[in-house]
Protein backbone atom coordinates (compact mmCIF):
# COMPACT_ATOMS: atom_id res chain seq x y z
CA MET A 1 1.66 50.37 30.03
CA LEU A 2 3.08 46.93 30.75
CA ASN A 3 5.64 47.98 33.35
CA LYS A 4 5.46 51.41 34.98
CA ASP A 5 8.89 51.07 36.64
CA THR A 6 10.76 50.45 33.38
CA GLY A 7 8.49 52.46 31.08
CA VAL A 8 7.59 49.46 28.90
CA TYR A 9 4.47 50.05 26.82
CA SER A 10 2.34 47.82 24.65
CA ASN A 11 1.50 49.61 21.42
CA ASP A 12 -0.03 47.48 18.67
CA GLU A 13 -0.29 50.50 16.37
CA LEU A 14 3.46 50.77 15.71
CA ILE A 15 4.14 50.14 12.03
CA VAL A 16 6.84 47.56 12.81
CA LEU A 17 4.17 45.51 14.60
CA ARG A 18 1.14 46.27 12.45
CA LYS A 19 2.46 45.87 8.91
CA THR A 20 4.47 42.65 9.14
CA ALA A 21 3.50 39.04 8.63
CA MET A 22 6.32 37.75 10.82
CA PRO A 23 7.56 38.29 14.36
CA ALA A 24 9.10 41.73 14.81
CA ILE A 25 10.66 43.84 17.50
CA LEU A 26 11.43 47.52 17.91
CA LEU A 27 14.80 48.12 19.51
CA GLU A 28 15.40 51.40 21.29
CA ALA A 29 19.10 51.57 22.02
CA GLY A 30 19.00 54.88 23.87
CA SER A 31 17.06 58.05 24.38
CA ILE A 32 17.81 61.27 22.52
CA ILE A 33 16.00 63.31 25.17
CA ASN A 34 19.01 62.65 27.40
CA ARG A 35 21.75 64.92 25.93
CA ASP A 36 24.67 62.95 27.43
CA GLU A 37 23.24 59.69 26.12
CA GLU A 38 22.60 61.26 22.72
CA ARG A 39 26.26 62.31 22.45
CA GLU A 40 27.42 58.86 23.49
CA MET A 41 25.13 57.16 20.96
CA ASP A 42 26.61 59.34 18.22
CA SER A 43 30.04 57.76 18.64
CA PRO A 44 31.14 54.97 16.26
CA GLU A 45 32.35 52.97 19.27
CA ARG A 46 28.90 52.98 20.89
CA GLN A 47 27.16 52.21 17.59
CA ASN A 48 29.51 49.25 17.02
CA LEU A 49 28.91 48.01 20.57
CA ILE A 50 25.13 48.20 20.14
CA SER A 51 25.07 46.57 16.70
CA SER A 52 27.46 43.76 17.63
CA SER A 53 25.53 43.09 20.85
CA VAL A 54 22.21 42.87 18.98
CA ALA A 55 23.71 40.60 16.30
CA SER A 56 25.21 38.37 18.99
CA ALA A 57 21.90 38.13 20.87
CA VAL A 58 19.98 37.25 17.69
CA LYS A 59 22.56 34.60 16.80
CA GLU A 60 22.44 33.15 20.33
CA PHE A 61 18.63 33.01 20.19
CA CYS A 62 18.37 31.56 16.67
CA GLU A 63 21.18 29.01 16.50
CA PRO A 64 19.63 26.41 18.84
CA ARG A 65 16.30 26.71 17.01
CA TRP A 66 17.95 26.36 13.59
CA ALA A 67 19.66 23.21 14.82
CA LEU A 68 16.22 21.72 15.49
CA LEU A 69 14.15 23.24 12.70
CA GLY A 70 16.66 24.22 10.04
CA PRO A 71 17.17 27.81 8.87
CA PRO A 72 14.17 29.73 7.52
């Protein structure tokens, strides 16, 4: 466990980390063990919010690097 307070684990055996030749992340956008959160995650509004937020964060991270290195 990397951070007991936030529940962050290091697990090198996850397929997304083990079977790729490039940097990868696993995004957990909620927890289905929490029934209220599961219902909220099932809504198109929440799914759109999550997907647009992730896309925006990736763009914000990559754009300055692409300006220096060029796109992949």
